[in-house]
Amino acid sequence: MNTLIFDWDGTLANSIDNIVAAMQRAAADVDLPVRSVREVRDIIGLALPDAVLVLYPELDDPAQAERLIEAYADNYLALEQSPSPLFDGVRDALDILRRRGFHLAVATGKGRRGLDRMLGNHGLEQYFDVTRCADETAGKPHPLMIEQILAELEVTPADACMVGDSEFDILMGHNAGVCPVAVTYGAMTHAQLLRCQPVHCVDSFDEFHGWVLPRFRAGQLTEV
């Protein structure tokens, strides 16, 4: 059985704008400098405490860092009262991949409560065999998240593919020994993704679906 592991924000769900807005509003709320859209997009995919360290390396007050995290969570929840939509083609492609017998999994920098809320909002609770979140394992780009997914599904890295929109996803895929595929419609630019040497880049979820099906043959991913 073959396994497709997806990032959530920027790969399956079009939530980038809400993440950026929530982080910028949170910074203003706790009297920290507001980082640019590009700077915030570049930390999407990291666990939230790691993202704060990247955005504010000079921040040496743990209490203020925690206030920023709490303010971000509050702002993001308010913005997500109307849930971020799935990208075009995601639901139909997931249906097809499930019918073809793929294991489907999620590996995300979101917390468990946030992911479960999003899965429920979109009626996707039963679509994924395994999900892993940054608050219950090592954050990206550490490979533990993928390693736990593969262990639970009893599959080898050679039979798995990591799909994401950030360098952290691609590096995590490399670190875990799975096939990393980049989507270019999410948080990071095509040039940023190419620096991490993904096996392939796609510009839409429909394109990924069309790319992956012929490459899984006889239980093994082939890079043709």
C-alpha atoms as a PDB file:
ATOM      1  CA  MET A   1       0.000   0.000   0.000  1.00  0.00           C
ATOM      2  CA  ASN A   2       1.379   3.414  -0.944  1.00  0.00           C
ATOM      3  CA  THR A   3       1.299   6.459   1.284  1.00  0.00           C
ATOM      4  CA  LEU A   4       0.808  10.147   0.491  1.00  0.00           C
ATOM      5  CA  ILE A   5       1.589  12.538   3.334  1.00  0.00           C
ATOM      6  CA  PHE A   6       0.283  16.095   2.991  1.00  0.00           C
ATOM      7  CA  ASP A   7       1.037  19.319   4.745  1.00  0.00           C
ATOM      8  CA  TRP A   8      -2.164  21.223   5.601  1.00  0.00           C
ATOM      9  CA  ASP A   9      -1.757  25.027   5.463  1.00  0.00           C
ATOM     10  CA  GLY A  10      -0.818  26.126   1.962  1.00  0.00           C
ATOM     11  CA  THR A  11      -1.023  22.612   0.535  1.00  0.00           C
ATOM     12  CA  LEU A  12      -4.561  21.370   1.145  1.00  0.00           C
ATOM     13  CA  ALA A  13      -6.119  24.512   2.636  1.00  0.00           C
ATOM     14  CA  ASN A  14      -5.809  28.073   1.355  1.00  0.00           C
ATOM     15  CA  SER A  15      -5.123  29.551   4.787  1.00  0.00           C
ATOM     16  CA  ILE A  16      -1.975  31.593   4.107  1.00  0.00           C
ATOM     17  CA  ASP A  17      -3.652  35.019   4.244  1.00  0.00           C
ATOM     18  CA  ASN A  18      -5.300  34.251   7.595  1.00  0.00           C
ATOM     19  CA  ILE A  19      -2.017  33.019   9.080  1.00  0.00           C
ATOM     20  CA  VAL A  20      -0.205  36.168   7.974  1.00  0.00           C
ATOM     21  CA  ALA A  21      -2.955  38.464   9.229  1.00  0.00           C
ATOM     22  CA  ALA A  22      -3.193  36.651  12.575  1.00  0.00           C
ATOM     23  CA  MET A  23       0.554  36.880  13.195  1.00  0.00           C
ATOM     24  CA  GLN A  24       0.728  40.554  12.240  1.00  0.00           C
ATOM     25  CA  ARG A  25      -2.247  41.409  14.451  1.00  0.00           C
ATOM     26  CA  ALA A  26      -0.794  39.363  17.310  1.00  0.00           C
ATOM     27  CA  ALA A  27       2.508  41.241  17.107  1.00  0.00           C
ATOM     28  CA  ALA A  28       0.676  44.552  17.305  1.00  0.00           C
ATOM     29  CA  ASP A  29      -1.379  43.260  20.245  1.00  0.00           C
ATOM     30  CA  VAL A  30       1.737  42.505  22.315  1.00  0.00           C
ATOM     31  CA  ASP A  31       3.780  45.543  21.187  1.00  0.00           C
ATOM     32  CA  LEU A  32       6.264  43.710  18.993  1.00  0.00           C
ATOM     33  CA  PRO A  33       7.428  44.875  15.552  1.00  0.00           C
ATOM     34  CA  VAL A  34       5.023  43.724  12.845  1.00  0.00           C
ATOM     35  CA  ARG A  35       6.882  41.516  10.385  1.00  0.00           C
ATOM     36  CA  SER A  36       6.295  41.723   6.643  1.00  0.00           C
ATOM     37  CA  VAL A  37       4.013  39.419   4.692  1.00  0.00           C
ATOM     38  CA  ARG A  38       7.060  37.714   3.170  1.00  0.00           C
ATOM     39  CA  GLU A  39       8.700  37.183   6.551  1.00  0.00           C
ATOM     40  CA  VAL A  40       5.568  35.570   7.978  1.00  0.00           C
ATOM     41  CA  ARG A  41       4.985  33.417   4.906  1.00  0.00           C
ATOM     42  CA  ASP A  42       8.524  32.099   5.289  1.00  0.00           C
ATOM     43  CA  ILE A  43       7.801  30.598   8.737  1.00  0.00           C
ATOM     44  CA  ILE A  44       4.547  28.870   7.786  1.00  0.00           C
ATOM     45  CA  GLY A  45       4.957  25.159   8.396  1.00  0.00           C
ATOM     46  CA  LEU A  46       7.035  25.490  11.538  1.00  0.00           C
ATOM     47  CA  ALA A  47       5.661  24.698  14.973  1.00  0.00           C
ATOM     48  CA  LEU A  48       4.423  27.960  16.480  1.00  0.00           C
ATOM     49  CA  PRO A  49       7.160  28.295  19.158  1.00  0.00           C
ATOM     50  CA  ASP A  50       9.814  27.704  16.474  1.00  0.00           C
ATOM     51  CA  ALA A  51       8.139  30.245  14.183  1.00  0.00           C
ATOM     52  CA  VAL A  52       8.248  32.867  16.939  1.00  0.00           C
ATOM     53  CA  LEU A  53      11.980  32.252  17.427  1.00  0.00           C
ATOM     54  CA  VAL A  54      12.621  32.771  13.717  1.00  0.00           C
ATOM     55  CA  LEU A  55      10.506  35.917  13.490  1.00  0.00           C
ATOM     56  CA  TYR A  56      11.834  37.403  16.740  1.00  0.00           C
ATOM     57  CA  PRO A  57      15.329  36.024  17.446  1.00  0.00           C
ATOM     58  CA  GLU A  58      15.958  38.971  19.760  1.00  0.00           C
ATOM     59  CA  LEU A  59      12.962  38.077  21.959  1.00  0.00           C
ATOM     60  CA  ASP A  60      14.446  36.815  25.229  1.00  0.00           C
ATOM     61  CA  ASP A  61      11.337  37.156  27.389  1.00  0.00           C
ATOM     62  CA  PRO A  62       9.530  33.777  27.540  1.00  0.00           C
ATOM     63  CA  ALA A  63       6.420  35.422  28.945  1.00  0.00           C
ATOM     64  CA  GLN A  64       6.143  37.826  26.005  1.00  0.00           C
ATOM     65  CA  ALA A  65       6.760  34.977  23.562  1.00  0.00           C
ATOM     66  CA  GLU A  66       3.909  33.084  25.183  1.00  0.00           C
ATOM     67  CA  ARG A  67       1.666  36.151  24.981  1.00  0.00           C
ATOM     68  CA  LEU A  68       2.449  36.388  21.269  1.00  0.00           C
ATOM     69  CA  ILE A  69       1.519  32.733  20.779  1.00  0.00           C
ATOM     70  CA  GLU A  70      -1.736  33.212  22.668  1.00  0.00           C
ATOM     71  CA  ALA A  71      -2.551  36.381  20.725  1.00  0.00           C
ATOM     72  CA  TYR A  72      -1.855  34.595  17.452  1.00  0.00           C
ATOM     73  CA  ALA A  73      -4.183  31.746  18.420  1.00  0.00           C
ATOM     74  CA  ASP A  74      -6.956  34.178  19.355  1.00  0.00           C
ATOM     75  CA  ASN A  75      -6.599  36.179  16.137  1.00  0.00           C
ATOM     76  CA  TYR A  76      -6.412  33.100  13.950  1.00  0.00           C
ATOM     77  CA  LEU A  77      -9.505  31.593  15.540  1.00  0.00           C
ATOM     78  CA  ALA A  78     -11.406  34.836  14.924  1.00  0.00           C
ATOM     79  CA  LEU A  79     -10.326  34.904  11.277  1.00  0.00           C
ATOM     80  CA  GLU A  80     -11.253  31.260  10.814  1.00  0.00           C
ATOM     81  CA  GLN A  81     -14.891  31.763  11.825  1.00  0.00           C
ATOM     82  CA  SER A  82     -15.366  31.319   8.093  1.00  0.00           C
ATOM     83  CA  PRO A  83     -12.972  28.398   7.530  1.00  0.00           C
ATOM     84  CA  SER A  84     -10.220  28.757   4.961  1.00  0.00           C
ATOM     85  CA  PRO A  85     -11.301  26.911   1.809  1.00  0.00           C
ATOM     86  CA  LEU A  86      -9.585  23.886   0.367  1.00  0.00           C
ATOM     87  CA  PHE A  87      -7.606  24.592  -2.783  1.00  0.00           C
ATOM     88  CA  ASP A  88      -9.319  23.821  -6.073  1.00  0.00           C
ATOM     89  CA  GLY A  89      -9.324  20.133  -6.871  1.00  0.00           C
ATOM     90  CA  VAL A  90      -8.305  18.917  -3.410  1.00  0.00           C
ATOM     91  CA  ARG A  91     -11.490  17.142  -2.376  1.00  0.00           C
ATOM     92  CA  ASP A  92     -12.058  15.437  -5.726  1.00  0.00           C
ATOM     93  CA  ALA A  93      -8.425  14.323  -5.924  1.00  0.00           C
ATOM     94  CA  LEU A  94      -8.488  12.954  -2.372  1.00  0.00           C
ATOM     95  CA  ASP A  95     -11.610  10.981  -3.268  1.00  0.00           C
ATOM     96  CA  ILE A  96      -9.855   9.465  -6.277  1.00  0.00           C
ATOM     97  CA  LEU A  97      -6.672   8.677  -4.346  1.00  0.00           C
ATOM     98  CA  ARG A  98      -8.644   6.955  -1.590  1.00  0.00           C
ATOM     99  CA  ARG A  99     -10.527   4.870  -4.123  1.00  0.00           C
ATOM    100  CA  ARG A 100      -7.215   3.863  -5.683  1.00  0.00           C
ATOM    101  CA  GLY A 101      -6.136   2.468  -2.315  1.00  0.00           C
ATOM    102  CA  PHE A 102      -3.583   5.034  -1.206  1.00  0.00           C
ATOM    103  CA  HIS A 103      -2.896   5.611   2.444  1.00  0.00           C
ATOM    104  CA  LEU A 104      -3.478   9.334   3.071  1.00  0.00           C
ATOM    105  CA  ALA A 105      -1.884  11.193   5.971  1.00  0.00           C
ATOM    106  CA  VAL A 106      -1.340  14.736   7.240  1.00  0.00           C
ATOM    107  CA  ALA A 107       1.866  16.092   8.766  1.00  0.00           C
ATOM    108  CA  THR A 108       1.345  19.683   9.872  1.00  0.00           C
ATOM    109  CA  GLY A 109       2.824  22.497  11.905  1.00  0.00           C
ATOM    110  CA  LYS A 110      -0.675  23.143  13.271  1.00  0.00           C
ATOM    111  CA  GLY A 111      -1.627  22.058  16.771  1.00  0.00           C
ATOM    112  CA  ARG A 112      -3.956  19.117  17.284  1.00  0.00           C
ATOM    113  CA  ARG A 113      -6.957  21.236  18.240  1.00  0.00           C
ATOM    114  CA  GLY A 114      -6.516  23.419  15.171  1.00  0.00           C
ATOM    115  CA  LEU A 115      -6.188  20.521  12.741  1.00  0.00           C
ATOM    116  CA  ASP A 116      -9.149  18.649  14.206  1.00  0.00           C
ATOM    117  CA  ARG A 117     -11.250  21.798  13.922  1.00  0.00           C
ATOM    118  CA  MET A 118     -10.300  22.220  10.259  1.00  0.00           C
ATOM    119  CA  LEU A 119     -10.921  18.561   9.430  1.00  0.00           C
ATOM    120  CA  GLY A 120     -14.350  18.832  11.038  1.00  0.00           C
ATOM    121  CA  ASN A 121     -15.201  22.080   9.258  1.00  0.00           C
ATOM    122  CA  HIS A 122     -14.469  20.444   5.897  1.00  0.00           C
ATOM    123  CA  GLY A 123     -15.935  17.024   6.697  1.00  0.00           C
ATOM    124  CA  LEU A 124     -12.565  15.340   6.200  1.00  0.00           C
ATOM    125  CA  GLU A 125     -12.292  13.496   9.526  1.00  0.00           C
ATOM    126  CA  GLN A 126     -12.424  10.085   7.844  1.00  0.00           C
ATOM    127  CA  TYR A 127     -10.200  10.868   4.848  1.00  0.00           C
ATOM    128  CA  PHE A 128      -6.825  10.395   6.520  1.00  0.00           C
ATOM    129  CA  ASP A 129      -5.449   7.207   7.990  1.00  0.00           C
ATOM    130  CA  VAL A 130      -2.991   9.050  10.246  1.00  0.00           C
ATOM    131  CA  THR A 131      -2.403  12.683  11.199  1.00  0.00           C
ATOM    132  CA  ARG A 132       0.479  14.210  13.118  1.00  0.00           C
ATOM    133  CA  CYS A 133       0.687  17.726  14.545  1.00  0.00           C
ATOM    134  CA  ALA A 134       3.591  19.806  15.765  1.00  0.00           C
ATOM    135  CA  ASP A 135       2.403  19.880  19.386  1.00  0.00           C
ATOM    136  CA  GLU A 136       2.517  16.082  19.727  1.00  0.00           C
ATOM    137  CA  THR A 137       5.867  15.247  18.083  1.00  0.00           C
ATOM    138  CA  ALA A 138       9.020  16.930  16.764  1.00  0.00           C
ATOM    139  CA  GLY A 139       8.385  19.903  14.497  1.00  0.00           C
ATOM    140  CA  LYS A 140       9.494  20.221  10.894  1.00  0.00           C
ATOM    141  CA  PRO A 141      12.014  19.691   9.360  1.00  0.00           C
ATOM    142  CA  HIS A 142      12.818  16.926  11.869  1.00  0.00           C
ATOM    143  CA  PRO A 143      11.779  13.579  10.303  1.00  0.00           C
ATOM    144  CA  LEU A 144      10.030  12.169  13.389  1.00  0.00           C
ATOM    145  CA  MET A 145       6.570  13.227  12.235  1.00  0.00           C
ATOM    146  CA  ILE A 146       6.915  11.214   9.021  1.00  0.00           C
ATOM    147  CA  GLU A 147       8.678   8.335  10.755  1.00  0.00           C
ATOM    148  CA  GLN A 148       5.756   7.959  13.162  1.00  0.00           C
ATOM    149  CA  ILE A 149       3.258   7.990  10.304  1.00  0.00           C
ATOM    150  CA  LEU A 150       5.184   5.319   8.400  1.00  0.00           C
ATOM    151  CA  ALA A 151       5.549   3.175  11.514  1.00  0.00           C
ATOM    152  CA  GLU A 152       1.830   3.332  12.262  1.00  0.00           C
ATOM    153  CA  LEU A 153       0.953   2.406   8.677  1.00  0.00           C
ATOM    154  CA  GLU A 154       3.736  -0.215   8.492  1.00  0.00           C
ATOM    155  CA  VAL A 155       5.150   1.132   5.226  1.00  0.00           C
ATOM    156  CA  THR A 156       8.715   1.923   4.184  1.00  0.00           C
ATOM    157  CA  PRO A 157      10.043   5.341   3.148  1.00  0.00           C
ATOM    158  CA  ALA A 158      10.400   4.042  -0.423  1.00  0.00           C
ATOM    159  CA  ASP A 159       6.606   3.691  -0.577  1.00  0.00           C
ATOM    160  CA  ALA A 160       5.817   7.205   0.634  1.00  0.00           C
ATOM    161  CA  CYS A 161       5.645  10.762  -0.668  1.00  0.00           C
ATOM    162  CA  MET A 162       5.649  14.027   1.306  1.00  0.00           C
ATOM    163  CA  VAL A 163       3.750  16.887  -0.349  1.00  0.00           C
ATOM    164  CA  GLY A 164       4.130  20.442   0.898  1.00  0.00           C
ATOM    165  CA  ASP A 165       4.460  24.129   0.093  1.00  0.00           C
ATOM    166  CA  SER A 166       7.424  25.041   2.286  1.00  0.00           C
ATOM    167  CA  GLU A 167      11.111  24.263   2.527  1.00  0.00           C
ATOM    168  CA  PHE A 168      10.393  22.658   5.912  1.00  0.00           C
ATOM    169  CA  ASP A 169       8.149  20.074   4.241  1.00  0.00           C
ATOM    170  CA  ILE A 170      10.702  19.270   1.546  1.00  0.00           C
ATOM    171  CA  LEU A 171      13.599  19.046   4.001  1.00  0.00           C
ATOM    172  CA  MET A 172      11.523  16.855   6.324  1.00  0.00           C
ATOM    173  CA  GLY A 173      10.807  14.563   3.381  1.00  0.00           C
ATOM    174  CA  HIS A 174      14.508  14.321   2.541  1.00  0.00           C
ATOM    175  CA  ASN A 175      15.390  13.739   6.197  1.00  0.00           C
ATOM    176  CA  ALA A 176      12.864  10.892   6.421  1.00  0.00           C
ATOM    177  CA  GLY A 177      13.969   9.297   3.159  1.00  0.00           C
ATOM    178  CA  VAL A 178      10.633   9.717   1.378  1.00  0.00           C
ATOM    179  CA  CYS A 179       9.927  11.336  -1.986  1.00  0.00           C
ATOM    180  CA  PRO A 180       9.447  15.100  -1.453  1.00  0.00           C
ATOM    181  CA  VAL A 181       7.112  16.945  -3.838  1.00  0.00           C
ATOM    182  CA  ALA A 182       6.624  20.716  -3.694  1.00  0.00           C
ATOM    183  CA  VAL A 183       3.464  22.645  -4.496  1.00  0.00           C
ATOM    184  CA  THR A 184       4.157  26.171  -5.751  1.00  0.00           C
ATOM    185  CA  TYR A 185       0.782  27.765  -4.949  1.00  0.00           C
ATOM    186  CA  GLY A 186       1.311  28.031  -1.177  1.00  0.00           C
ATOM    187  CA  ALA A 187       3.536  29.958   1.220  1.00  0.00           C
ATOM    188  CA  MET A 188       6.951  29.856  -0.453  1.00  0.00           C
ATOM    189  CA  THR A 189       8.122  30.820  -3.893  1.00  0.00           C
ATOM    190  CA  HIS A 190       9.143  28.420  -6.640  1.00  0.00           C
ATOM    191  CA  ALA A 191      12.765  29.561  -6.256  1.00  0.00           C
ATOM    192  CA  GLN A 192      12.761  28.911  -2.510  1.00  0.00           C
ATOM    193  CA  LEU A 193      11.366  25.431  -3.026  1.00  0.00           C
ATOM    194  CA  LEU A 194      13.846  24.536  -5.753  1.00  0.00           C
ATOM    195  CA  ARG A 195      16.742  25.275  -3.396  1.00  0.00           C
ATOM    196  CA  CYS A 196      15.565  22.329  -1.282  1.00  0.00           C
ATOM    197  CA  GLN A 197      15.703  19.990  -4.296  1.00  0.00           C
ATOM    198  CA  PRO A 198      12.235  18.431  -4.372  1.00  0.00           C
ATOM    199  CA  VAL A 199      11.791  15.466  -6.697  1.00  0.00           C
ATOM    200  CA  HIS A 200       9.079  17.413  -8.499  1.00  0.00           C
ATOM    201  CA  CYS A 201       7.123  20.695  -8.312  1.00  0.00           C
ATOM    202  CA  VAL A 202       3.464  21.124  -9.232  1.00  0.00           C
ATOM    203  CA  ASP A 203       1.457  24.302  -9.738  1.00  0.00           C
ATOM    204  CA  SER A 204      -1.953  22.910  -8.717  1.00  0.00           C
ATOM    205  CA  PHE A 205      -3.387  20.036  -6.742  1.00  0.00           C
ATOM    206  CA  ASP A 206      -4.919  18.618  -9.896  1.00  0.00           C
ATOM    207  CA  GLU A 207      -1.432  18.518 -11.383  1.00  0.00           C
ATOM    208  CA  PHE A 208      -0.121  16.576  -8.380  1.00  0.00           C
ATOM    209  CA  HIS A 209      -2.921  14.046  -8.674  1.00  0.00           C
ATOM    210  CA  GLY A 210      -2.151  13.571 -12.354  1.00  0.00           C
ATOM    211  CA  TRP A 211       1.581  13.289 -11.662  1.00  0.00           C
ATOM    212  CA  VAL A 212       1.475  10.782  -8.831  1.00  0.00           C
ATOM    213  CA  LEU A 213      -0.892   8.122 -10.161  1.00  0.00           C
ATOM    214  CA  PRO A 214       1.325   6.732 -12.956  1.00  0.00           C
ATOM    215  CA  ARG A 215       4.396   6.821 -10.732  1.00  0.00           C
ATOM    216  CA  PHE A 216       3.104   4.405  -8.137  1.00  0.00           C
ATOM    217  CA  ARG A 217       3.511   0.975  -9.684  1.00  0.00           C
ATOM    218  CA  ALA A 218       3.637  -2.412  -8.023  1.00  0.00           C
ATOM    219  CA  GLY A 219       3.752  -0.878  -4.550  1.00  0.00           C
ATOM    220  CA  GLN A 220       6.777   1.347  -5.158  1.00  0.00           C
ATOM    221  CA  LEU A 221       7.286   4.975  -6.098  1.00  0.00           C
ATOM    222  CA  THR A 222       9.285   5.451  -9.273  1.00  0.00           C
ATOM    223  CA  GLU A 223      10.915   8.753 -10.223  1.00  0.00           C
ATOM    224  CA  VAL A 224      10.179   8.664 -13.960  1.00  0.00           C
END
